[in-house]
């Protein structure tokens, strides 16, 4: 009886608004670390602030930076489309390999604990550490991977991977796939292990083959998991910075200059903070739009989404 009374009293206090003070610390953290910086970035994007030009001292110029970015900045659009190609290629390969590995582990391997622990190693490394490791492995003179690529004839003796323009982006994509395919594998594997057995048993009794069970039962049930994986990886890949900055710095030239690298160059090399904030704002806006479109596309006519 005392427990019931305490629960009833707790619910009464929550209904009366006593939970609002408990939410205050989290609300303050969100305001300080999310809303505040975003508001400052949006305001700075409407100014001409530049530490490289004394005449540009932060005067309010409205949407002039946005018009300049959209109409008269081909470098921005080159970086944008390069980032889109990087995201599509890396996330597609990671999902295909991760789904296949997860299905093989779920279907054929009984003791999965050791294997899943080993899969955690690449994704647990810091992106900077991954960049440094692969930069050493692919170094032109003494890199171990470069040595074996030359030994099998895939790389000439006088060239290096990161000084050959047509090899740079495929190499960066391959490194990203190496690091993040285990993440996709583990999430999909968790989804496969949580699937109910009853629909598959009923389908087997009705004569449905493995392919029909995969298409009609497994994929619809896994659709929320697939959406989550692709959204997380898409967002993370679109704002990729650490590995690319360590590996190439955006070079050679602008061959690997993703949007994040371009924003860094405008802000911290050219010190054009007003225009750089505009680039950063556009990155945020594009990520938001793409995620919204993708999420709606994934759940379109989905029985799980309608439920």
Protein backbone atom coordinates (compact mmCIF):
# COMPACT_ATOMS: atom_id res chain seq x y z
CA UNK A 1 0.00 0.00 0.00
CA UNK A 2 2.83 2.42 0.82
CA UNK A 3 4.42 1.75 -2.56
CA UNK A 4 1.15 2.43 -4.34
CA UNK A 5 0.71 5.69 -2.42
CA UNK A 6 4.26 6.79 -3.28
CA UNK A 7 3.70 6.05 -6.96
CA UNK A 8 0.41 7.92 -6.93
CA UNK A 9 2.04 10.89 -5.20
CA UNK A 10 4.89 10.87 -7.76
CA UNK A 11 2.47 10.87 -10.67
CA UNK A 12 0.51 13.68 -9.03
CA UNK A 13 3.67 15.79 -8.71
CA UNK A 14 4.61 15.13 -12.32
CA UNK A 15 1.14 16.09 -13.49
CA UNK A 16 1.35 19.29 -11.44
CA UNK A 17 4.54 20.38 -13.23
CA UNK A 18 7.11 19.32 -10.65
CA UNK A 19 9.17 17.72 -13.45
CA UNK A 20 10.01 21.07 -15.07
CA UNK A 21 12.89 21.91 -12.68
CA UNK A 22 14.37 18.47 -13.42
CA UNK A 23 14.49 19.32 -17.13
CA UNK A 24 16.19 22.66 -16.55
CA UNK A 25 19.85 21.43 -16.56
CA UNK A 26 19.39 19.53 -19.84
CA UNK A 27 17.58 22.51 -21.35
CA UNK A 28 20.42 24.84 -20.39
CA UNK A 29 22.98 22.49 -21.93
CA UNK A 30 21.02 22.40 -25.19
CA UNK A 31 20.75 26.19 -25.24
CA UNK A 32 24.44 26.74 -24.47
CA UNK A 33 25.97 24.10 -26.74
CA UNK A 34 23.44 23.85 -29.59
CA UNK A 35 21.05 26.75 -29.91
CA UNK A 36 23.57 29.41 -28.93
CA UNK A 37 26.33 28.45 -31.40
CA UNK A 38 23.81 27.89 -34.19
CA UNK A 39 22.27 31.32 -33.62
CA UNK A 40 25.71 32.95 -33.62
CA UNK A 41 26.61 31.12 -36.83
CA UNK A 42 23.37 32.25 -38.51
CA UNK A 43 24.01 35.87 -37.47
CA UNK A 44 27.66 35.79 -38.56
CA UNK A 45 26.57 34.46 -41.96
CA UNK A 46 24.71 37.74 -42.48
CA UNK A 47 27.78 39.90 -41.81
CA UNK A 48 30.96 40.70 -43.74
CA UNK A 49 33.26 39.75 -40.86
CA UNK A 50 36.80 39.02 -42.06
CA UNK A 51 40.04 39.10 -40.08
CA UNK A 52 42.04 39.30 -43.33
CA UNK A 53 40.39 42.54 -44.48
CA UNK A 54 40.30 45.48 -42.03
CA UNK A 55 37.45 47.10 -43.97
CA UNK A 56 35.18 44.12 -43.20
CA UNK A 57 34.53 44.51 -39.49
CA UNK A 58 31.27 42.57 -39.16
CA UNK A 59 28.72 44.95 -40.69
CA UNK A 60 25.29 43.46 -41.29
CA UNK A 61 24.80 42.70 -45.02
CA UNK A 62 21.71 40.51 -44.97
CA UNK A 63 21.65 37.67 -47.49
CA UNK A 64 24.50 38.92 -49.68
CA UNK A 65 26.78 36.07 -48.62
CA UNK A 66 24.13 33.50 -49.52
CA UNK A 67 23.58 35.07 -52.94
CA UNK A 68 27.33 35.08 -53.54
CA UNK A 69 27.60 31.45 -52.47
CA UNK A 70 24.75 30.18 -54.65
CA UNK A 71 25.37 32.28 -57.77
CA UNK A 72 29.08 33.05 -57.96
CA UNK A 73 31.03 30.35 -56.13
CA UNK A 74 31.86 27.40 -58.42
CA UNK A 75 34.30 26.03 -55.83
CA UNK A 76 31.45 25.59 -53.38
CA UNK A 77 29.41 23.63 -55.92
CA UNK A 78 32.39 21.48 -56.88
CA UNK A 79 32.88 20.64 -53.20
CA UNK A 80 29.16 20.03 -52.78
CA UNK A 81 28.89 17.51 -55.62
CA UNK A 82 32.14 15.85 -54.55
CA UNK A 83 30.68 15.42 -51.06
CA UNK A 84 27.46 13.98 -52.49
CA UNK A 85 29.42 11.43 -54.54
CA UNK A 86 31.52 10.54 -51.50
CA UNK A 87 28.44 10.04 -49.31
CA UNK A 88 26.56 7.95 -51.88
CA UNK A 89 29.54 5.74 -52.70
CA UNK A 90 30.77 5.15 -49.14
CA UNK A 91 27.37 4.63 -47.51
CA UNK A 92 26.15 2.34 -50.30
CA UNK A 93 29.24 0.11 -50.09
CA UNK A 94 29.18 0.11 -46.29
CA UNK A 95 25.52 -0.87 -46.22
CA UNK A 96 25.90 -3.63 -48.83
CA UNK A 97 28.95 -5.16 -47.14
CA UNK A 98 27.59 -4.63 -43.63
CA UNK A 99 24.23 -6.23 -44.44
CA UNK A 100 25.92 -9.21 -46.13
CA UNK A 101 28.32 -9.74 -43.21
CA UNK A 102 25.52 -9.40 -40.65
CA UNK A 103 23.38 -11.95 -42.50
CA UNK A 104 26.27 -14.42 -42.79
CA UNK A 105 27.11 -14.08 -39.10
CA UNK A 106 23.46 -14.42 -38.08
CA UNK A 107 22.88 -17.39 -40.38
CA UNK A 108 26.03 -19.49 -40.05
CA UNK A 109 28.00 -18.50 -36.92
CA UNK A 110 26.76 -19.64 -33.53
CA UNK A 111 29.40 -18.11 -31.23
CA UNK A 112 29.30 -14.48 -32.24
CA UNK A 113 30.77 -12.72 -29.21
CA UNK A 114 34.45 -12.91 -30.23
CA UNK A 115 33.73 -11.95 -33.84
CA UNK A 116 31.58 -8.96 -32.90
CA UNK A 117 34.29 -7.82 -30.47
CA UNK A 118 36.87 -7.89 -33.26
CA UNK A 119 34.49 -5.97 -35.52
CA UNK A 120 34.45 -3.15 -32.98
CA UNK A 121 38.17 -2.39 -33.41
CA UNK A 122 38.11 -0.18 -36.57
CA UNK A 123 35.09 1.87 -35.52
CA UNK A 124 36.45 2.42 -32.00
CA UNK A 125 39.58 4.14 -33.35
CA UNK A 126 39.53 7.92 -33.43
CA UNK A 127 39.20 9.33 -36.98
CA UNK A 128 42.50 11.19 -36.52
CA UNK A 129 44.22 7.93 -35.57
CA UNK A 130 42.70 6.20 -38.61
CA UNK A 131 43.98 8.99 -40.83
CA UNK A 132 47.49 8.81 -39.39
CA UNK A 133 47.62 5.00 -39.66
CA UNK A 134 46.56 4.94 -43.31
CA UNK A 135 48.74 7.91 -44.16
CA UNK A 136 51.75 5.91 -42.98
CA UNK A 137 50.59 2.72 -44.71
CA UNK A 138 50.09 4.56 -48.01
CA UNK A 139 53.18 6.77 -47.78
CA UNK A 140 54.93 6.89 -51.14
CA UNK A 141 58.46 5.90 -50.09
CA UNK A 142 58.13 3.40 -47.23
CA UNK A 143 54.40 2.71 -46.83
CA UNK A 144 53.68 -1.00 -46.50
CA UNK A 145 50.47 -0.92 -48.56
CA UNK A 146 52.18 1.15 -51.27
CA UNK A 147 54.99 -1.44 -51.40
CA UNK A 148 52.57 -4.30 -52.04
CA UNK A 149 50.57 -2.25 -54.57
CA UNK A 150 53.80 -1.73 -56.52
CA UNK A 151 54.70 -5.40 -56.14
CA UNK A 152 51.48 -6.51 -57.85
CA UNK A 153 51.67 -3.78 -60.47
CA UNK A 154 48.73 -1.63 -59.30
CA UNK A 155 50.97 1.37 -58.59
CA UNK A 156 53.95 2.62 -60.56
CA UNK A 157 57.35 3.02 -58.94
CA UNK A 158 57.42 6.81 -59.35
CA UNK A 159 53.95 7.58 -57.99
CA UNK A 160 52.16 7.59 -54.64
CA UNK A 161 48.49 7.05 -53.90
CA UNK A 162 47.78 10.52 -52.53
CA UNK A 163 49.69 12.29 -55.29
CA UNK A 164 47.71 10.52 -58.04
CA UNK A 165 44.45 12.46 -58.51
CA UNK A 166 42.31 9.59 -59.83
CA UNK A 167 43.29 7.37 -56.86
CA UNK A 168 42.68 9.86 -54.05
CA UNK A 169 38.89 9.72 -53.65
CA UNK A 170 38.58 5.94 -54.20
CA UNK A 171 41.23 5.47 -51.51
CA UNK A 172 39.43 7.78 -49.08
CA UNK A 173 36.17 5.94 -49.75
CA UNK A 174 37.89 2.59 -49.16
CA UNK A 175 39.31 3.81 -45.84
CA UNK A 176 35.90 5.06 -44.74
CA UNK A 177 34.36 1.71 -45.72
CA UNK A 178 37.06 -0.11 -43.73
CA UNK A 179 36.28 1.93 -40.62
CA UNK A 180 32.49 2.06 -40.68
CA UNK A 181 31.32 -1.21 -42.26
CA UNK A 182 31.54 -2.88 -38.81
CA UNK A 183 29.12 -0.28 -37.46
CA UNK A 184 26.55 -1.20 -40.10
CA UNK A 185 27.20 -4.90 -39.51
CA UNK A 186 26.62 -4.71 -35.75
CA UNK A 187 23.42 -2.66 -36.04
CA UNK A 188 21.94 -4.91 -38.73
CA UNK A 189 23.03 -8.00 -36.80
CA UNK A 190 21.21 -6.72 -33.71
CA UNK A 191 18.11 -6.19 -35.84
CA UNK A 192 18.33 -9.69 -37.30
CA UNK A 193 18.70 -11.25 -33.86
CA UNK A 194 15.58 -9.42 -32.66
CA UNK A 195 13.33 -10.63 -35.50
CA UNK A 196 10.35 -12.73 -34.38
CA UNK A 197 10.37 -16.35 -35.55
CA UNK A 198 6.61 -16.75 -36.00
CA UNK A 199 6.28 -14.96 -39.38
CA UNK A 200 9.13 -17.01 -40.88
CA UNK A 201 7.68 -20.29 -39.58
CA UNK A 202 4.27 -19.40 -41.00
CA UNK A 203 5.80 -18.46 -44.35
CA UNK A 204 7.72 -21.76 -44.45
CA UNK A 205 4.52 -23.71 -43.80
CA UNK A 206 2.83 -21.77 -46.63
CA UNK A 207 5.62 -22.77 -49.02
CA UNK A 208 7.45 -19.45 -49.29
CA UNK A 209 11.09 -19.80 -50.28
CA UNK A 210 14.09 -17.99 -48.75
CA UNK A 211 13.94 -15.16 -51.29
CA UNK A 212 10.25 -14.43 -50.70
CA UNK A 213 10.81 -14.52 -46.94
CA UNK A 214 13.70 -12.10 -47.34
CA UNK A 215 11.74 -9.64 -49.49
CA UNK A 216 8.29 -9.90 -47.91
CA UNK A 217 9.15 -10.45 -44.23
CA UNK A 218 12.75 -9.67 -43.33
CA UNK A 219 13.19 -6.36 -45.18
CA UNK A 220 9.87 -4.81 -43.98
CA UNK A 221 10.67 -5.78 -40.40
CA UNK A 222 14.20 -4.40 -40.70
CA UNK A 223 13.13 -1.18 -42.40
CA UNK A 224 13.35 1.01 -39.23
CA UNK A 225 16.83 -0.40 -38.51
CA UNK A 226 17.93 0.18 -42.10
CA UNK A 227 16.59 3.74 -41.97
CA UNK A 228 18.47 4.42 -38.74
CA UNK A 229 21.76 3.03 -40.08
CA UNK A 230 21.59 4.92 -43.37
CA UNK A 231 20.58 8.17 -41.69
CA UNK A 232 23.39 8.00 -39.14
CA UNK A 233 26.01 7.05 -41.69
CA UNK A 234 24.74 9.58 -44.22
CA UNK A 235 24.91 12.45 -41.73
CA UNK A 236 28.34 11.41 -40.48
CA UNK A 237 29.76 10.94 -43.99
CA UNK A 238 28.42 14.29 -45.20
CA UNK A 239 30.34 16.13 -42.50
CA UNK A 240 33.50 14.03 -42.85
CA UNK A 241 36.55 16.10 -41.97
CA UNK A 242 39.15 14.44 -39.74
CA UNK A 243 40.39 11.62 -41.95
CA UNK A 244 40.41 13.67 -45.16
CA UNK A 245 42.23 16.56 -43.47
CA UNK A 246 44.92 14.22 -42.10
CA UNK A 247 45.27 12.19 -45.31
CA UNK A 248 45.22 14.88 -48.01
CA UNK A 249 44.17 18.24 -46.59
CA UNK A 250 41.81 18.49 -49.56
CA UNK A 251 44.50 17.93 -52.16
CA UNK A 252 46.13 17.44 -54.49
CA UNK A 253 44.65 20.75 -55.59
CA UNK A 254 40.95 20.47 -54.76
CA UNK A 255 40.53 16.82 -55.77
CA UNK A 256 39.44 15.76 -52.26
CA UNK A 257 38.16 19.10 -50.94
CA UNK A 258 34.86 18.08 -49.34
CA UNK A 259 32.45 20.73 -48.06
CA UNK A 260 33.85 20.47 -44.55
CA UNK A 261 37.41 21.03 -45.86
CA UNK A 262 36.21 23.99 -47.94
CA UNK A 263 34.48 25.51 -44.91
CA UNK A 264 37.68 25.07 -42.90
CA UNK A 265 39.75 26.76 -45.62
CA UNK A 266 37.41 29.75 -45.89
CA UNK A 267 37.19 30.20 -42.13
CA UNK A 268 40.65 29.39 -40.80
CA UNK A 269 42.98 29.91 -43.77
CA UNK A 270 41.32 32.86 -45.49
CA UNK A 271 39.86 34.15 -42.19
CA UNK A 272 36.66 35.16 -43.99
CA UNK A 273 34.39 34.30 -41.08
CA UNK A 274 31.19 35.81 -42.43
CA UNK A 275 31.36 33.90 -45.70
CA UNK A 276 32.68 30.81 -43.90
CA UNK A 277 29.66 30.84 -41.59
CA UNK A 278 27.48 30.92 -44.70
CA UNK A 279 29.22 27.79 -46.01
CA UNK A 280 28.75 26.05 -42.64
CA UNK A 281 25.08 27.07 -42.56
CA UNK A 282 24.55 25.62 -46.04
CA UNK A 283 26.16 22.35 -44.93
CA UNK A 284 23.70 22.16 -42.04
CA UNK A 285 20.77 23.05 -44.31
CA UNK A 286 21.68 20.48 -46.96
CA UNK A 287 22.08 17.74 -44.34
CA UNK A 288 18.69 18.60 -42.85
CA UNK A 289 16.94 18.55 -46.25
CA UNK A 290 18.59 15.33 -47.41
CA UNK A 291 17.81 13.55 -44.15
CA UNK A 292 14.17 14.65 -44.28
CA UNK A 293 13.74 13.52 -47.88
CA UNK A 294 15.51 10.23 -47.25
CA UNK A 295 13.54 9.47 -44.09
CA UNK A 296 10.23 10.06 -45.86
CA UNK A 297 11.35 7.96 -48.81
CA UNK A 298 12.31 5.05 -46.57
CA UNK A 299 8.98 5.06 -44.75
CA UNK A 300 6.82 5.68 -47.82
CA UNK A 301 4.10 3.02 -47.92
CA UNK A 302 5.82 1.20 -45.10
CA UNK A 303 3.59 -1.00 -42.91
CA UNK A 304 6.01 -0.52 -40.03
CA UNK A 305 6.00 3.25 -40.49
CA UNK A 306 2.19 3.37 -40.61
CA UNK A 307 1.96 1.38 -37.44
